[in-house]
Amino acid sequence: MAGSNSATNTQKEAVTVEAKAQARGVRVTPMKARRVVNLIRGKQATEALAVLQFAPQSASDPVYKVLASAIANARVKAEKESLPFDERSLVVTTAYVDEGPTMKRFQPRAQGRAFRINKRTSHITVHVSQPETNGGAR
């Protein structure tokens, strides 16, 4: 056991920075938000921010905020752990939209009837990480 521990201590361990951000209860339908999230999944974080900034969908604003928050969380985590950090090397590894609580409202219709309106909400989650790099590879 002692020999294996000394072998791992001599090798440089892979350094990664991973962070996530979540927005819960966002007043946008999950189906519309998923269309926007699918645009950024797997892209570099700075490129994804540019895509979201100019996307015509209204759901791109909350997704932009969540991605910007995830990048800021990664920066804080890297500074806290004294790891090298480069915002341009961050990649959106995981991004998904879950359905939040639905607000049910009623609208009056003809002949005393009521029509139900579902106001849907979303939980948007974005994970960013730096690709694994060896400490002295550069």
C-alpha atoms as a PDB file:
ATOM      1  CA  MET A   1       0.000   0.000   0.000  1.00  0.00           C
ATOM      2  CA  ALA A   2       2.757   2.439   0.852  1.00  0.00           C
ATOM      3  CA  GLY A   3       4.396   1.895  -2.545  1.00  0.00           C
ATOM      4  CA  SER A   4       1.206   2.708  -4.417  1.00  0.00           C
ATOM      5  CA  ASN A   5       0.711   5.907  -2.413  1.00  0.00           C
ATOM      6  CA  SER A   6       4.236   7.112  -3.199  1.00  0.00           C
ATOM      7  CA  ALA A   7       3.648   6.380  -6.894  1.00  0.00           C
ATOM      8  CA  THR A   8       0.523   8.520  -6.942  1.00  0.00           C
ATOM      9  CA  ASN A   9       2.288  11.328  -5.095  1.00  0.00           C
ATOM     10  CA  THR A  10       5.042  11.531  -7.706  1.00  0.00           C
ATOM     11  CA  GLN A  11       2.614  11.753 -10.619  1.00  0.00           C
ATOM     12  CA  LYS A  12       0.836  15.007 -11.370  1.00  0.00           C
ATOM     13  CA  GLU A  13      -2.886  14.675 -10.722  1.00  0.00           C
ATOM     14  CA  ALA A  14      -5.371  15.993 -13.223  1.00  0.00           C
ATOM     15  CA  VAL A  15      -6.699  19.410 -12.228  1.00  0.00           C
ATOM     16  CA  THR A  16     -10.299  20.268 -13.042  1.00  0.00           C
ATOM     17  CA  VAL A  17     -12.622  23.040 -12.008  1.00  0.00           C
ATOM     18  CA  GLU A  18     -16.291  22.144 -11.972  1.00  0.00           C
ATOM     19  CA  ALA A  19     -19.174  24.377 -10.982  1.00  0.00           C
ATOM     20  CA  LYS A  20     -22.922  24.523 -11.357  1.00  0.00           C
ATOM     21  CA  ALA A  21     -25.682  27.074 -11.137  1.00  0.00           C
ATOM     22  CA  GLN A  22     -29.415  26.644 -10.814  1.00  0.00           C
ATOM     23  CA  ALA A  23     -32.409  28.901 -11.266  1.00  0.00           C
ATOM     24  CA  ARG A  24     -35.574  27.507  -9.764  1.00  0.00           C
ATOM     25  CA  GLY A  25     -39.128  28.600 -10.472  1.00  0.00           C
ATOM     26  CA  VAL A  26     -38.284  30.602 -13.588  1.00  0.00           C
ATOM     27  CA  ARG A  27     -41.491  31.813 -15.251  1.00  0.00           C
ATOM     28  CA  VAL A  28     -40.815  30.265 -18.649  1.00  0.00           C
ATOM     29  CA  THR A  29     -42.265  27.028 -19.959  1.00  0.00           C
ATOM     30  CA  PRO A  30     -39.862  24.073 -19.824  1.00  0.00           C
ATOM     31  CA  MET A  31     -40.377  23.219 -23.493  1.00  0.00           C
ATOM     32  CA  LYS A  32     -39.344  26.713 -24.597  1.00  0.00           C
ATOM     33  CA  ALA A  33     -36.388  26.756 -22.210  1.00  0.00           C
ATOM     34  CA  ARG A  34     -35.174  23.366 -23.473  1.00  0.00           C
ATOM     35  CA  ARG A  35     -34.971  24.757 -27.013  1.00  0.00           C
ATOM     36  CA  VAL A  36     -32.538  27.404 -25.774  1.00  0.00           C
ATOM     37  CA  VAL A  37     -30.539  25.070 -23.515  1.00  0.00           C
ATOM     38  CA  ASN A  38     -30.008  22.673 -26.423  1.00  0.00           C
ATOM     39  CA  LEU A  39     -28.186  25.483 -28.261  1.00  0.00           C
ATOM     40  CA  ILE A  40     -25.429  25.745 -25.643  1.00  0.00           C
ATOM     41  CA  ARG A  41     -24.879  22.178 -24.449  1.00  0.00           C
ATOM     42  CA  GLY A  42     -21.284  21.088 -25.144  1.00  0.00           C
ATOM     43  CA  LYS A  43     -20.053  24.521 -26.273  1.00  0.00           C
ATOM     44  CA  GLN A  44     -17.327  26.622 -24.724  1.00  0.00           C
ATOM     45  CA  ALA A  45     -18.747  28.906 -22.061  1.00  0.00           C
ATOM     46  CA  THR A  46     -17.768  32.202 -23.710  1.00  0.00           C
ATOM     47  CA  GLU A  47     -19.170  31.050 -27.047  1.00  0.00           C
ATOM     48  CA  ALA A  48     -22.387  29.928 -25.327  1.00  0.00           C
ATOM     49  CA  LEU A  49     -22.770  33.367 -23.711  1.00  0.00           C
ATOM     50  CA  ALA A  50     -22.470  34.997 -27.132  1.00  0.00           C
ATOM     51  CA  VAL A  51     -25.055  32.611 -28.603  1.00  0.00           C
ATOM     52  CA  LEU A  52     -27.488  33.350 -25.778  1.00  0.00           C
ATOM     53  CA  GLN A  53     -26.932  37.094 -25.977  1.00  0.00           C
ATOM     54  CA  PHE A  54     -28.155  37.208 -29.575  1.00  0.00           C
ATOM     55  CA  ALA A  55     -30.733  34.408 -29.474  1.00  0.00           C
ATOM     56  CA  PRO A  56     -34.209  35.739 -30.312  1.00  0.00           C
ATOM     57  CA  GLN A  57     -36.051  33.496 -27.816  1.00  0.00           C
ATOM     58  CA  SER A  58     -37.264  35.108 -24.611  1.00  0.00           C
ATOM     59  CA  ALA A  59     -36.023  32.115 -22.607  1.00  0.00           C
ATOM     60  CA  SER A  60     -32.433  33.002 -23.506  1.00  0.00           C
ATOM     61  CA  ASP A  61     -32.294  35.749 -20.839  1.00  0.00           C
ATOM     62  CA  PRO A  62     -32.714  33.488 -17.781  1.00  0.00           C
ATOM     63  CA  VAL A  63     -30.458  30.817 -19.320  1.00  0.00           C
ATOM     64  CA  TYR A  64     -27.809  33.506 -19.932  1.00  0.00           C
ATOM     65  CA  LYS A  65     -27.991  34.524 -16.265  1.00  0.00           C
ATOM     66  CA  VAL A  66     -27.638  30.922 -15.081  1.00  0.00           C
ATOM     67  CA  LEU A  67     -24.623  30.327 -17.338  1.00  0.00           C
ATOM     68  CA  ALA A  68     -22.967  33.561 -16.202  1.00  0.00           C
ATOM     69  CA  SER A  69     -23.548  32.504 -12.594  1.00  0.00           C
ATOM     70  CA  ALA A  70     -22.003  29.079 -13.239  1.00  0.00           C
ATOM     71  CA  ILE A  71     -18.910  30.741 -14.726  1.00  0.00           C
ATOM     72  CA  ALA A  72     -18.645  33.034 -11.685  1.00  0.00           C
ATOM     73  CA  ASN A  73     -19.044  30.032  -9.370  1.00  0.00           C
ATOM     74  CA  ALA A  74     -16.195  28.278 -11.182  1.00  0.00           C
ATOM     75  CA  ARG A  75     -13.990  31.368 -10.823  1.00  0.00           C
ATOM     76  CA  VAL A  76     -14.677  31.582  -7.073  1.00  0.00           C
ATOM     77  CA  LYS A  77     -14.092  27.857  -6.601  1.00  0.00           C
ATOM     78  CA  ALA A  78     -10.769  28.010  -8.477  1.00  0.00           C
ATOM     79  CA  GLU A  79      -9.574  30.970  -6.399  1.00  0.00           C
ATOM     80  CA  LYS A  80     -10.645  29.242  -3.203  1.00  0.00           C
ATOM     81  CA  GLU A  81      -8.720  26.066  -4.073  1.00  0.00           C
ATOM     82  CA  SER A  82      -5.774  27.989  -5.615  1.00  0.00           C
ATOM     83  CA  LEU A  83      -6.210  26.316  -8.990  1.00  0.00           C
ATOM     84  CA  PRO A  84      -5.311  27.892 -12.341  1.00  0.00           C
ATOM     85  CA  PHE A  85      -8.414  29.331 -13.972  1.00  0.00           C
ATOM     86  CA  ASP A  86      -9.051  30.407 -17.535  1.00  0.00           C
ATOM     87  CA  GLU A  87     -12.611  31.391 -18.375  1.00  0.00           C
ATOM     88  CA  ARG A  88     -12.038  30.665 -22.075  1.00  0.00           C
ATOM     89  CA  SER A  89     -11.305  27.001 -21.349  1.00  0.00           C
ATOM     90  CA  LEU A  90     -14.621  26.366 -19.559  1.00  0.00           C
ATOM     91  CA  VAL A  91     -17.067  24.057 -21.333  1.00  0.00           C
ATOM     92  CA  VAL A  92     -20.795  23.625 -20.712  1.00  0.00           C
ATOM     93  CA  THR A  93     -20.753  19.938 -19.795  1.00  0.00           C
ATOM     94  CA  THR A  94     -24.354  19.518 -18.670  1.00  0.00           C
ATOM     95  CA  ALA A  95     -27.368  21.727 -19.130  1.00  0.00           C
ATOM     96  CA  TYR A  96     -30.953  20.693 -18.561  1.00  0.00           C
ATOM     97  CA  VAL A  97     -34.386  22.047 -17.738  1.00  0.00           C
ATOM     98  CA  ASP A  98     -36.779  20.396 -15.300  1.00  0.00           C
ATOM     99  CA  GLU A  99     -40.418  21.259 -14.840  1.00  0.00           C
ATOM    100  CA  GLY A 100     -41.234  23.388 -11.814  1.00  0.00           C
ATOM    101  CA  PRO A 101     -44.566  23.945 -10.090  1.00  0.00           C
ATOM    102  CA  THR A 102     -47.462  24.909 -12.340  1.00  0.00           C
ATOM    103  CA  MET A 103     -49.673  27.823 -11.369  1.00  0.00           C
ATOM    104  CA  LYS A 104     -53.276  27.091 -12.290  1.00  0.00           C
ATOM    105  CA  ARG A 105     -55.440  30.030 -13.260  1.00  0.00           C
ATOM    106  CA  PHE A 106     -59.006  30.224 -14.572  1.00  0.00           C
ATOM    107  CA  GLN A 107     -60.359  32.430 -17.308  1.00  0.00           C
ATOM    108  CA  PRO A 108     -64.087  33.030 -17.716  1.00  0.00           C
ATOM    109  CA  ARG A 109     -65.612  31.730 -20.938  1.00  0.00           C
ATOM    110  CA  ALA A 110     -69.028  31.880 -22.564  1.00  0.00           C
ATOM    111  CA  GLN A 111     -72.188  30.640 -20.806  1.00  0.00           C
ATOM    112  CA  GLY A 112     -70.649  30.665 -17.329  1.00  0.00           C
ATOM    113  CA  ARG A 113     -67.916  28.170 -18.091  1.00  0.00           C
ATOM    114  CA  ALA A 114     -64.342  28.431 -16.843  1.00  0.00           C
ATOM    115  CA  PHE A 115     -61.225  27.670 -18.864  1.00  0.00           C
ATOM    116  CA  ARG A 116     -58.076  26.582 -17.060  1.00  0.00           C
ATOM    117  CA  ILE A 117     -54.746  28.236 -17.908  1.00  0.00           C
ATOM    118  CA  ASN A 118     -51.535  26.524 -16.809  1.00  0.00           C
ATOM    119  CA  LYS A 119     -48.694  28.934 -16.099  1.00  0.00           C
ATOM    120  CA  ARG A 120     -45.689  26.655 -16.130  1.00  0.00           C
ATOM    121  CA  THR A 121     -42.338  27.246 -14.451  1.00  0.00           C
ATOM    122  CA  SER A 122     -38.884  25.765 -14.984  1.00  0.00           C
ATOM    123  CA  HIS A 123     -35.828  24.758 -13.016  1.00  0.00           C
ATOM    124  CA  ILE A 124     -32.759  25.528 -15.165  1.00  0.00           C
ATOM    125  CA  THR A 125     -29.435  23.855 -14.282  1.00  0.00           C
ATOM    126  CA  VAL A 126     -26.069  24.417 -15.972  1.00  0.00           C
ATOM    127  CA  HIS A 127     -22.774  22.634 -15.166  1.00  0.00           C
ATOM    128  CA  VAL A 128     -19.463  24.004 -16.447  1.00  0.00           C
ATOM    129  CA  SER A 129     -15.999  22.494 -16.139  1.00  0.00           C
ATOM    130  CA  GLN A 130     -12.495  22.868 -17.435  1.00  0.00           C
ATOM    131  CA  PRO A 131     -11.238  19.933 -19.463  1.00  0.00           C
ATOM    132  CA  GLU A 132      -8.733  17.842 -17.556  1.00  0.00           C
ATOM    133  CA  THR A 133      -5.181  19.071 -17.964  1.00  0.00           C
ATOM    134  CA  ASN A 134      -2.042  17.686 -16.375  1.00  0.00           C
ATOM    135  CA  GLY A 135      -0.266  20.112 -14.059  1.00  0.00           C
ATOM    136  CA  GLY A 136       3.022  20.336 -16.015  1.00  0.00           C
ATOM    137  CA  ALA A 137       1.890  19.355 -19.504  1.00  0.00           C
ATOM    138  CA  ARG A 138       2.202  22.896 -20.888  1.00  0.00           C
END
